[in-house]
Amino acid sequence: MIDYLDTAGIVLTEQEKENIEIADFGLGQLEEQGLELITYINNEHYCAKELVLFSNQTCPEHKHPPVLGSEGKTETFRCRWGKVWLYVEGEPTPSIKATVPQGSEAHYTVYHEIELKAGDQYTIPPNTLHWFQAAENGAIVSEFSTTSRDEYDIFTDPRIKRVPETNG
């Protein structure tokens, strides 16, 4: 994962490296369905993260619901390196470019495709189902959002457990 960041020219402090979150969502399929996250800041006003995806790695379908008086998390994804296909609610794209992880097809329900290449960005409204997958070479996506409360995320796949594991 550090190789991806180096290739993209993203420099991390030693503390940031020690606090990289490896999210396999309790599925035990990190290479296929997972995500690596670096959180720069997350407070009561805003959040900034890097989302690192390996080749063809998928972050499973989920939404950020209203919680603690907020309408849910609004997040802007900006592709920093590579290519990622983002799927959101809306008119389904007839022939998507991503490959839904085998055995999890029933848990992917939105197929409106947005392709993000380096420099492209897209804002996902609160409480909107979405999922995303890196292209063959992987991807790094900067996330700028309202406060992140990942423990309240709702995943379409009931097997998913959103419990972080830190690399240390």
N, C-alpha and C. Protein backbone atom coordinates (compact mmCIF):
# COMPACT_ATOMS: atom_id res chain seq x y z
N MET A 1 0.82 -1.19 0.00
CA MET A 1 0.00 0.00 0.00
C MET A 1 0.86 1.26 0.00
N ILE A 2 1.96 1.23 0.75
CA ILE A 2 2.86 2.39 0.78
C ILE A 2 3.40 2.66 -0.62
N ASP A 3 3.61 1.60 -1.43
CA ASP A 3 4.08 1.78 -2.81
C ASP A 3 3.10 2.63 -3.60
N TYR A 4 1.79 2.40 -3.41
CA TYR A 4 0.77 3.18 -4.11
C TYR A 4 0.91 4.66 -3.74
N LEU A 5 1.07 4.92 -2.44
CA LEU A 5 1.18 6.30 -1.97
C LEU A 5 2.45 6.95 -2.52
N ASP A 6 3.56 6.21 -2.50
CA ASP A 6 4.81 6.75 -3.05
C ASP A 6 4.65 7.08 -4.53
N THR A 7 4.03 6.18 -5.29
CA THR A 7 3.82 6.41 -6.72
C THR A 7 2.99 7.66 -6.95
N ALA A 8 2.02 7.89 -6.09
CA ALA A 8 1.14 9.05 -6.22
C ALA A 8 1.76 10.32 -5.66
N GLY A 9 2.93 10.19 -5.03
CA GLY A 9 3.60 11.36 -4.45
C GLY A 9 2.97 11.84 -3.15
N ILE A 10 2.28 10.95 -2.45
CA ILE A 10 1.65 11.31 -1.18
C ILE A 10 2.60 10.92 -0.05
N VAL A 11 3.01 11.90 0.71
CA VAL A 11 3.96 11.69 1.80
C VAL A 11 3.21 11.63 3.12
N LEU A 12 3.48 10.59 3.90
CA LEU A 12 2.85 10.42 5.20
C LEU A 12 3.89 10.57 6.30
N THR A 13 3.44 11.06 7.45
CA THR A 13 4.30 11.10 8.63
C THR A 13 4.40 9.68 9.19
N GLU A 14 5.35 9.46 10.07
CA GLU A 14 5.47 8.15 10.71
C GLU A 14 4.21 7.81 11.50
N GLN A 15 3.63 8.81 12.17
CA GLN A 15 2.40 8.57 12.94
C GLN A 15 1.25 8.18 12.02
N GLU A 16 1.13 8.84 10.87
CA GLU A 16 0.07 8.48 9.91
C GLU A 16 0.27 7.04 9.41
N LYS A 17 1.52 6.67 9.15
CA LYS A 17 1.81 5.30 8.70
C LYS A 17 1.40 4.29 9.78
N GLU A 18 1.67 4.61 11.03
CA GLU A 18 1.33 3.71 12.14
C GLU A 18 -0.17 3.58 12.34
N ASN A 19 -0.94 4.58 11.89
CA ASN A 19 -2.39 4.59 12.12
C ASN A 19 -3.20 4.26 10.87
N ILE A 20 -2.57 3.64 9.88
CA ILE A 20 -3.31 3.24 8.68
C ILE A 20 -4.35 2.21 9.10
N GLU A 21 -5.58 2.44 8.67
CA GLU A 21 -6.67 1.51 8.99
C GLU A 21 -6.84 0.53 7.84
N ILE A 22 -6.82 -0.74 8.18
CA ILE A 22 -7.07 -1.79 7.20
C ILE A 22 -8.49 -2.29 7.46
N ALA A 23 -9.38 -2.06 6.52
CA ALA A 23 -10.79 -2.44 6.70
C ALA A 23 -11.10 -3.61 5.77
N ASP A 24 -11.30 -4.79 6.35
CA ASP A 24 -11.72 -5.93 5.53
C ASP A 24 -13.20 -6.22 5.75
N PHE A 25 -13.83 -5.38 6.57
CA PHE A 25 -15.28 -5.43 6.80
C PHE A 25 -15.75 -6.77 7.36
N GLY A 26 -14.82 -7.51 7.98
CA GLY A 26 -15.18 -8.79 8.59
C GLY A 26 -15.42 -9.90 7.58
N LEU A 27 -15.11 -9.65 6.31
CA LEU A 27 -15.36 -10.65 5.27
C LEU A 27 -14.16 -11.57 5.03
N GLY A 28 -12.99 -11.15 5.49
CA GLY A 28 -11.79 -11.95 5.28
C GLY A 28 -11.37 -12.04 3.81
N GLN A 29 -11.75 -11.02 3.03
CA GLN A 29 -11.42 -10.98 1.59
C GLN A 29 -10.79 -9.64 1.24
N LEU A 30 -9.80 -9.22 2.01
CA LEU A 30 -9.24 -7.87 1.88
C LEU A 30 -8.86 -7.52 0.44
N GLU A 31 -8.20 -8.42 -0.26
CA GLU A 31 -7.77 -8.11 -1.63
C GLU A 31 -8.94 -7.86 -2.58
N GLU A 32 -10.10 -8.46 -2.28
CA GLU A 32 -11.26 -8.32 -3.15
C GLU A 32 -12.25 -7.28 -2.64
N GLN A 33 -12.59 -7.36 -1.33
CA GLN A 33 -13.53 -6.41 -0.73
C GLN A 33 -12.90 -5.85 0.53
N GLY A 34 -12.39 -4.65 0.41
CA GLY A 34 -11.72 -4.01 1.53
C GLY A 34 -11.30 -2.61 1.16
N LEU A 35 -10.54 -2.02 2.05
CA LEU A 35 -10.14 -0.62 1.87
C LEU A 35 -9.04 -0.32 2.87
N GLU A 36 -8.12 0.53 2.47
CA GLU A 36 -7.08 1.00 3.38
C GLU A 36 -7.28 2.50 3.52
N LEU A 37 -7.29 2.99 4.76
CA LEU A 37 -7.62 4.39 5.01
C LEU A 37 -6.57 5.09 5.86
N ILE A 38 -6.31 6.33 5.48
CA ILE A 38 -5.49 7.22 6.29
C ILE A 38 -6.38 8.40 6.64
N THR A 39 -6.63 8.61 7.92
CA THR A 39 -7.45 9.74 8.35
C THR A 39 -6.53 10.86 8.81
N TYR A 40 -6.61 11.99 8.12
CA TYR A 40 -5.80 13.15 8.49
C TYR A 40 -6.45 13.91 9.63
N ILE A 41 -7.76 14.08 9.53
CA ILE A 41 -8.51 14.79 10.58
C ILE A 41 -9.97 14.35 10.50
N ASN A 42 -10.58 14.23 11.66
CA ASN A 42 -12.01 13.93 11.75
C ASN A 42 -12.49 14.57 13.04
N ASN A 43 -13.22 15.67 12.91
CA ASN A 43 -13.73 16.36 14.09
C ASN A 43 -15.22 16.64 13.93
N GLU A 44 -15.77 17.47 14.77
CA GLU A 44 -17.22 17.72 14.74
C GLU A 44 -17.67 18.56 13.54
N HIS A 45 -16.72 19.03 12.73
CA HIS A 45 -17.06 19.86 11.58
C HIS A 45 -16.76 19.21 10.23
N TYR A 46 -15.64 18.52 10.13
CA TYR A 46 -15.22 17.98 8.84
C TYR A 46 -14.24 16.81 9.01
N CYS A 47 -13.99 16.15 7.88
CA CYS A 47 -13.11 14.99 7.86
C CYS A 47 -12.31 15.00 6.55
N ALA A 48 -11.06 14.56 6.62
CA ALA A 48 -10.23 14.40 5.42
C ALA A 48 -9.48 13.08 5.53
N LYS A 49 -9.58 12.27 4.46
CA LYS A 49 -8.96 10.94 4.44
C LYS A 49 -8.36 10.66 3.07
N GLU A 50 -7.47 9.68 3.03
CA GLU A 50 -7.06 9.06 1.78
C GLU A 50 -7.62 7.65 1.81
N LEU A 51 -8.22 7.22 0.72
CA LEU A 51 -8.73 5.87 0.56
C LEU A 51 -7.85 5.19 -0.48
N VAL A 52 -7.19 4.12 -0.07
CA VAL A 52 -6.27 3.41 -0.96
C VAL A 52 -6.92 2.09 -1.34
N LEU A 53 -7.00 1.84 -2.64
CA LEU A 53 -7.58 0.60 -3.15
C LEU A 53 -6.56 -0.14 -4.00
N PHE A 54 -6.39 -1.42 -3.71
CA PHE A 54 -5.53 -2.27 -4.52
C PHE A 54 -6.19 -2.52 -5.87
N SER A 55 -5.48 -3.17 -6.74
CA SER A 55 -5.99 -3.54 -8.06
C SER A 55 -7.33 -4.27 -7.93
N ASN A 56 -8.36 -3.73 -8.55
CA ASN A 56 -9.72 -4.31 -8.57
C ASN A 56 -10.36 -4.46 -7.20
N GLN A 57 -9.83 -3.84 -6.18
CA GLN A 57 -10.41 -3.93 -4.83
C GLN A 57 -11.69 -3.10 -4.77
N THR A 58 -12.68 -3.62 -4.05
CA THR A 58 -14.00 -3.00 -3.96
C THR A 58 -14.31 -2.61 -2.53
N CYS A 59 -14.82 -1.40 -2.34
CA CYS A 59 -15.42 -1.01 -1.06
C CYS A 59 -16.90 -1.33 -1.19
N PRO A 60 -17.43 -2.22 -0.33
CA PRO A 60 -18.81 -2.69 -0.46
C PRO A 60 -19.86 -1.59 -0.38
N GLU A 61 -21.03 -1.90 -0.91
CA GLU A 61 -22.15 -0.96 -0.95
C GLU A 61 -22.60 -0.59 0.47
N HIS A 62 -22.78 0.72 0.67
CA HIS A 62 -23.19 1.23 1.98
C HIS A 62 -23.75 2.64 1.82
N LYS A 63 -24.27 3.15 2.93
CA LYS A 63 -24.72 4.54 2.98
C LYS A 63 -24.42 5.11 4.35
N HIS A 64 -24.42 6.43 4.42
CA HIS A 64 -24.14 7.15 5.66
C HIS A 64 -25.45 7.81 6.11
N PRO A 65 -26.18 7.15 7.01
CA PRO A 65 -27.53 7.60 7.38
C PRO A 65 -27.52 8.80 8.34
N PRO A 66 -28.68 9.41 8.53
CA PRO A 66 -28.79 10.47 9.54
C PRO A 66 -28.41 9.90 10.91
N VAL A 67 -27.62 10.67 11.66
CA VAL A 67 -27.19 10.22 12.97
C VAL A 67 -26.85 11.42 13.84
N LEU A 68 -27.19 11.32 15.11
CA LEU A 68 -26.86 12.35 16.10
C LEU A 68 -27.25 13.76 15.64
N GLY A 69 -28.42 13.87 15.03
CA GLY A 69 -28.92 15.18 14.60
C GLY A 69 -28.42 15.65 13.24
N SER A 70 -27.53 14.89 12.61
CA SER A 70 -27.05 15.29 11.27
C SER A 70 -27.87 14.55 10.22
N GLU A 71 -27.83 15.05 8.99
CA GLU A 71 -28.57 14.40 7.90
C GLU A 71 -27.80 13.22 7.32
N GLY A 72 -26.62 12.95 7.85
CA GLY A 72 -25.76 11.91 7.32
C GLY A 72 -24.54 12.55 6.68
N LYS A 73 -23.55 11.76 6.38
CA LYS A 73 -22.29 12.29 5.86
C LYS A 73 -22.42 12.64 4.38
N THR A 74 -21.99 13.85 4.03
CA THR A 74 -21.80 14.25 2.64
C THR A 74 -20.32 14.06 2.38
N GLU A 75 -19.97 13.39 1.27
CA GLU A 75 -18.55 13.20 1.00
C GLU A 75 -18.23 13.49 -0.46
N THR A 76 -17.10 14.15 -0.63
CA THR A 76 -16.58 14.40 -1.97
C THR A 76 -15.38 13.50 -2.17
N PHE A 77 -15.42 12.72 -3.25
CA PHE A 77 -14.30 11.87 -3.63
C PHE A 77 -13.53 12.58 -4.73
N ARG A 78 -12.23 12.70 -4.56
CA ARG A 78 -11.36 13.25 -5.62
C ARG A 78 -10.29 12.21 -5.90
N CYS A 79 -10.28 11.71 -7.11
CA CYS A 79 -9.29 10.70 -7.49
C CYS A 79 -7.93 11.38 -7.60
N ARG A 80 -6.98 10.85 -6.85
CA ARG A 80 -5.63 11.43 -6.86
C ARG A 80 -4.70 10.65 -7.78
N TRP A 81 -4.97 9.35 -7.90
CA TRP A 81 -4.10 8.49 -8.71
C TRP A 81 -4.88 7.26 -9.14
N GLY A 82 -4.63 6.79 -10.34
CA GLY A 82 -5.32 5.60 -10.83
C GLY A 82 -6.69 5.93 -11.37
N LYS A 83 -7.56 4.93 -11.30
CA LYS A 83 -8.94 5.09 -11.78
C LYS A 83 -9.85 4.30 -10.86
N VAL A 84 -11.01 4.88 -10.58
CA VAL A 84 -11.99 4.21 -9.73
C VAL A 84 -13.37 4.37 -10.35
N TRP A 85 -14.16 3.32 -10.23
CA TRP A 85 -15.55 3.38 -10.68
C TRP A 85 -16.41 3.48 -9.45
N LEU A 86 -17.20 4.54 -9.38
CA LEU A 86 -18.09 4.82 -8.25
C LEU A 86 -19.51 4.53 -8.73
N TYR A 87 -20.27 3.84 -7.89
CA TYR A 87 -21.66 3.50 -8.22
C TYR A 87 -22.57 4.11 -7.16
N VAL A 88 -23.57 4.84 -7.64
CA VAL A 88 -24.50 5.54 -6.75
C VAL A 88 -25.93 5.27 -7.21
N GLU A 89 -26.87 5.69 -6.41
CA GLU A 89 -28.27 5.59 -6.78
C GLU A 89 -28.51 6.44 -8.02
N GLY A 90 -29.41 6.00 -8.87
CA GLY A 90 -29.71 6.72 -10.10
C GLY A 90 -29.94 5.75 -11.23
N GLU A 91 -30.09 6.27 -12.42
CA GLU A 91 -30.32 5.44 -13.60
C GLU A 91 -29.15 4.47 -13.78
N PRO A 92 -29.43 3.16 -13.78
CA PRO A 92 -28.34 2.18 -13.93
C PRO A 92 -27.61 2.32 -15.26
N THR A 93 -26.30 2.20 -15.21
CA THR A 93 -25.49 2.18 -16.42
C THR A 93 -25.65 0.80 -17.04
N PRO A 94 -25.98 0.72 -18.35
CA PRO A 94 -26.28 -0.57 -18.97
C PRO A 94 -25.17 -1.62 -18.85
N SER A 95 -23.93 -1.22 -19.01
CA SER A 95 -22.83 -2.18 -18.98
C SER A 95 -21.71 -1.59 -18.12
N ILE A 96 -21.70 -1.97 -16.84
CA ILE A 96 -20.72 -1.37 -15.93
C ILE A 96 -19.32 -1.93 -16.18
N LYS A 97 -18.32 -1.15 -15.77
CA LYS A 97 -16.92 -1.55 -15.96
C LYS A 97 -16.39 -2.37 -14.80
N ALA A 98 -16.94 -2.18 -13.61
CA ALA A 98 -16.49 -2.94 -12.44
C ALA A 98 -17.02 -4.36 -12.49
N THR A 99 -16.43 -5.21 -11.69
CA THR A 99 -16.88 -6.59 -11.55
C THR A 99 -17.35 -6.77 -10.11
N VAL A 100 -18.62 -7.09 -9.93
CA VAL A 100 -19.17 -7.30 -8.59
C VAL A 100 -18.49 -8.53 -7.99
N PRO A 101 -18.00 -8.43 -6.76
CA PRO A 101 -17.32 -9.56 -6.13
C PRO A 101 -18.17 -10.83 -6.12
N GLN A 102 -17.57 -11.92 -6.56
CA GLN A 102 -18.26 -13.20 -6.65
C GLN A 102 -18.76 -13.64 -5.28
N GLY A 103 -20.01 -14.08 -5.25
CA GLY A 103 -20.62 -14.53 -4.00
C GLY A 103 -21.32 -13.41 -3.25
N SER A 104 -21.11 -12.17 -3.69
CA SER A 104 -21.73 -11.02 -3.02
C SER A 104 -22.70 -10.27 -3.92
N GLU A 105 -23.03 -10.84 -5.06
CA GLU A 105 -23.86 -10.16 -6.05
C GLU A 105 -25.16 -9.62 -5.47
N ALA A 106 -25.79 -10.35 -4.57
CA ALA A 106 -27.08 -9.93 -4.01
C ALA A 106 -26.97 -8.66 -3.17
N HIS A 107 -25.74 -8.31 -2.78
CA HIS A 107 -25.54 -7.17 -1.88
C HIS A 107 -25.09 -5.90 -2.60
N TYR A 108 -25.13 -5.92 -3.91
CA TYR A 108 -24.80 -4.75 -4.73
C TYR A 108 -26.04 -4.41 -5.53
N THR A 109 -26.62 -3.24 -5.27
CA THR A 109 -27.94 -2.91 -5.83
C THR A 109 -27.98 -1.63 -6.64
N VAL A 110 -26.94 -0.79 -6.54
CA VAL A 110 -26.95 0.48 -7.30
C VAL A 110 -25.86 0.42 -8.38
N TYR A 111 -26.22 0.88 -9.57
CA TYR A 111 -25.33 0.71 -10.71
C TYR A 111 -25.20 1.94 -11.61
N HIS A 112 -25.45 3.13 -11.05
CA HIS A 112 -25.23 4.34 -11.82
C HIS A 112 -23.73 4.64 -11.73
N GLU A 113 -23.02 4.46 -12.84
CA GLU A 113 -21.55 4.50 -12.84
C GLU A 113 -21.00 5.90 -13.08
N ILE A 114 -20.03 6.26 -12.25
CA ILE A 114 -19.26 7.48 -12.42
C ILE A 114 -17.80 7.06 -12.45
N GLU A 115 -17.13 7.33 -13.54
CA GLU A 115 -15.71 6.99 -13.64
C GLU A 115 -14.88 8.18 -13.18
N LEU A 116 -13.99 7.93 -12.23
CA LEU A 116 -13.11 8.98 -11.73
C LEU A 116 -11.67 8.64 -12.07
N LYS A 117 -11.04 9.52 -12.83
CA LYS A 117 -9.61 9.42 -13.13
C LYS A 117 -8.92 10.52 -12.33
N ALA A 118 -7.60 10.46 -12.26
CA ALA A 118 -6.85 11.46 -11.50
C ALA A 118 -7.31 12.87 -11.85
N GLY A 119 -7.71 13.60 -10.82
CA GLY A 119 -8.19 14.98 -10.99
C GLY A 119 -9.70 15.11 -11.03
N ASP A 120 -10.41 13.99 -11.23
CA ASP A 120 -11.87 14.03 -11.26
C ASP A 120 -12.42 13.93 -9.84
N GLN A 121 -13.58 14.55 -9.62
CA GLN A 121 -14.21 14.42 -8.31
C GLN A 121 -15.73 14.37 -8.44
N TYR A 122 -16.34 13.84 -7.37
CA TYR A 122 -17.80 13.68 -7.34
C TYR A 122 -18.24 13.76 -5.88
N THR A 123 -19.37 14.43 -5.64
CA THR A 123 -19.90 14.56 -4.29
C THR A 123 -21.11 13.66 -4.12
N ILE A 124 -21.06 12.84 -3.08
CA ILE A 124 -22.12 11.89 -2.75
C ILE A 124 -22.99 12.51 -1.65
N PRO A 125 -24.28 12.69 -1.92
CA PRO A 125 -25.16 13.27 -0.91
C PRO A 125 -25.33 12.33 0.29
N PRO A 126 -25.78 12.87 1.43
CA PRO A 126 -26.01 12.04 2.62
C PRO A 126 -27.04 10.94 2.33
N ASN A 127 -26.91 9.83 3.05
CA ASN A 127 -27.88 8.73 3.02
C ASN A 127 -28.09 8.16 1.62
N THR A 128 -27.04 8.16 0.80
CA THR A 128 -27.09 7.66 -0.57
C THR A 128 -26.31 6.35 -0.66
N LEU A 129 -26.94 5.29 -1.13
CA LEU A 129 -26.21 4.04 -1.33
C LEU A 129 -25.12 4.25 -2.37
N HIS A 130 -23.93 3.70 -2.08
CA HIS A 130 -22.82 3.78 -3.02
C HIS A 130 -21.80 2.69 -2.74
N TRP A 131 -21.01 2.38 -3.75
CA TRP A 131 -19.88 1.47 -3.63
C TRP A 131 -18.89 1.86 -4.70
N PHE A 132 -17.65 1.39 -4.57
CA PHE A 132 -16.65 1.76 -5.56
C PHE A 132 -15.59 0.69 -5.68
N GLN A 133 -14.95 0.69 -6.86
CA GLN A 133 -13.94 -0.31 -7.17
C GLN A 133 -12.82 0.34 -7.97
N ALA A 134 -11.57 -0.03 -7.61
CA ALA A 134 -10.41 0.46 -8.35
C ALA A 134 -10.27 -0.31 -9.65
N ALA A 135 -9.67 0.34 -10.63
CA ALA A 135 -9.35 -0.33 -11.89
C ALA A 135 -8.12 -1.23 -11.67
N GLU A 136 -7.63 -1.79 -12.73
CA GLU A 136 -6.55 -2.78 -12.70
C GLU A 136 -5.30 -2.33 -11.93
N ASN A 137 -4.93 -1.05 -12.03
CA ASN A 137 -3.71 -0.58 -11.39
C ASN A 137 -3.90 -0.04 -9.98
N GLY A 138 -5.12 -0.12 -9.45
CA GLY A 138 -5.40 0.43 -8.12
C GLY A 138 -5.77 1.90 -8.22
N ALA A 139 -6.03 2.50 -7.06
CA ALA A 139 -6.42 3.91 -7.04
C ALA A 139 -6.22 4.50 -5.64
N ILE A 140 -6.06 5.80 -5.62
CA ILE A 140 -6.06 6.55 -4.37
C ILE A 140 -7.10 7.65 -4.53
N VAL A 141 -8.00 7.72 -3.56
CA VAL A 141 -9.07 8.71 -3.58
C VAL A 141 -9.00 9.53 -2.31
N SER A 142 -8.96 10.85 -2.46
CA SER A 142 -9.05 11.72 -1.30
C SER A 142 -10.53 11.91 -0.99
N GLU A 143 -10.87 11.78 0.28
CA GLU A 143 -12.25 12.00 0.71
C GLU A 143 -12.28 13.23 1.59
N PHE A 144 -13.14 14.17 1.22
CA PHE A 144 -13.40 15.37 2.02
C PHE A 144 -14.87 15.30 2.39
N SER A 145 -15.18 15.34 3.68
CA SER A 145 -16.56 15.11 4.08
C SER A 145 -16.93 15.86 5.34
N THR A 146 -18.21 15.77 5.65
CA THR A 146 -18.65 16.18 6.96
C THR A 146 -18.14 15.11 7.93
N THR A 147 -18.37 15.28 9.21
CA THR A 147 -17.86 14.36 10.22
C THR A 147 -18.12 12.90 9.84
N SER A 148 -17.09 12.08 9.98
CA SER A 148 -17.20 10.67 9.67
C SER A 148 -17.56 9.89 10.93
N ARG A 149 -18.63 9.14 10.84
CA ARG A 149 -19.07 8.26 11.94
C ARG A 149 -19.27 6.86 11.34
N ASP A 150 -18.15 6.26 10.95
CA ASP A 150 -18.18 4.98 10.24
C ASP A 150 -18.95 3.89 10.97
N GLU A 151 -18.95 3.94 12.28
CA GLU A 151 -19.62 2.90 13.07
C GLU A 151 -21.14 2.90 12.83
N TYR A 152 -21.68 3.97 12.25
CA TYR A 152 -23.12 4.04 11.97
C TYR A 152 -23.46 3.72 10.51
N ASP A 153 -22.43 3.49 9.68
CA ASP A 153 -22.69 3.19 8.26
C ASP A 153 -23.59 1.97 8.15
N ILE A 154 -24.45 1.99 7.15
CA ILE A 154 -25.35 0.86 6.89
C ILE A 154 -24.89 0.19 5.61
N PHE A 155 -24.50 -1.09 5.72
CA PHE A 155 -24.05 -1.87 4.57
C PHE A 155 -25.18 -2.74 4.06
N THR A 156 -25.25 -2.91 2.75
CA THR A 156 -26.27 -3.76 2.14
C THR A 156 -26.04 -5.22 2.51
N ASP A 157 -24.78 -5.61 2.67
CA ASP A 157 -24.40 -6.98 3.02
C ASP A 157 -24.46 -7.15 4.53
N PRO A 158 -25.39 -7.96 5.05
CA PRO A 158 -25.53 -8.12 6.50
C PRO A 158 -24.34 -8.82 7.16
N ARG A 159 -23.46 -9.42 6.38
CA ARG A 159 -22.27 -10.09 6.94
C ARG A 159 -21.19 -9.10 7.36
N ILE A 160 -21.30 -7.87 6.88
CA ILE A 160 -20.25 -6.88 7.11
C ILE A 160 -20.26 -6.36 8.54
N LYS A 161 -19.04 -6.30 9.10
CA LYS A 161 -18.82 -5.71 10.42
C LYS A 161 -17.83 -4.56 10.21
N ARG A 162 -18.26 -3.37 10.53
CA ARG A 162 -17.38 -2.19 10.32
C ARG A 162 -16.58 -1.95 11.60
N VAL A 163 -15.63 -2.85 11.87
CA VAL A 163 -14.76 -2.72 13.04
C VAL A 163 -13.36 -2.51 12.52
N PRO A 164 -12.75 -1.36 12.82
CA PRO A 164 -11.43 -1.08 12.28
C PRO A 164 -10.33 -1.94 12.92
N GLU A 165 -9.34 -2.22 12.11
CA GLU A 165 -8.14 -2.91 12.57
C GLU A 165 -6.98 -2.02 12.15
N THR A 166 -6.09 -1.71 13.08
CA THR A 166 -5.00 -0.80 12.74
C THR A 166 -3.71 -1.57 12.46
N ASN A 167 -2.96 -1.03 11.53
CA ASN A 167 -1.66 -1.61 11.18
C ASN A 167 -0.63 -0.92 12.06
N GLY A 168 0.09 -1.65 12.87
CA GLY A 168 1.01 -0.97 13.77
C GLY A 168 2.29 -1.54 13.90
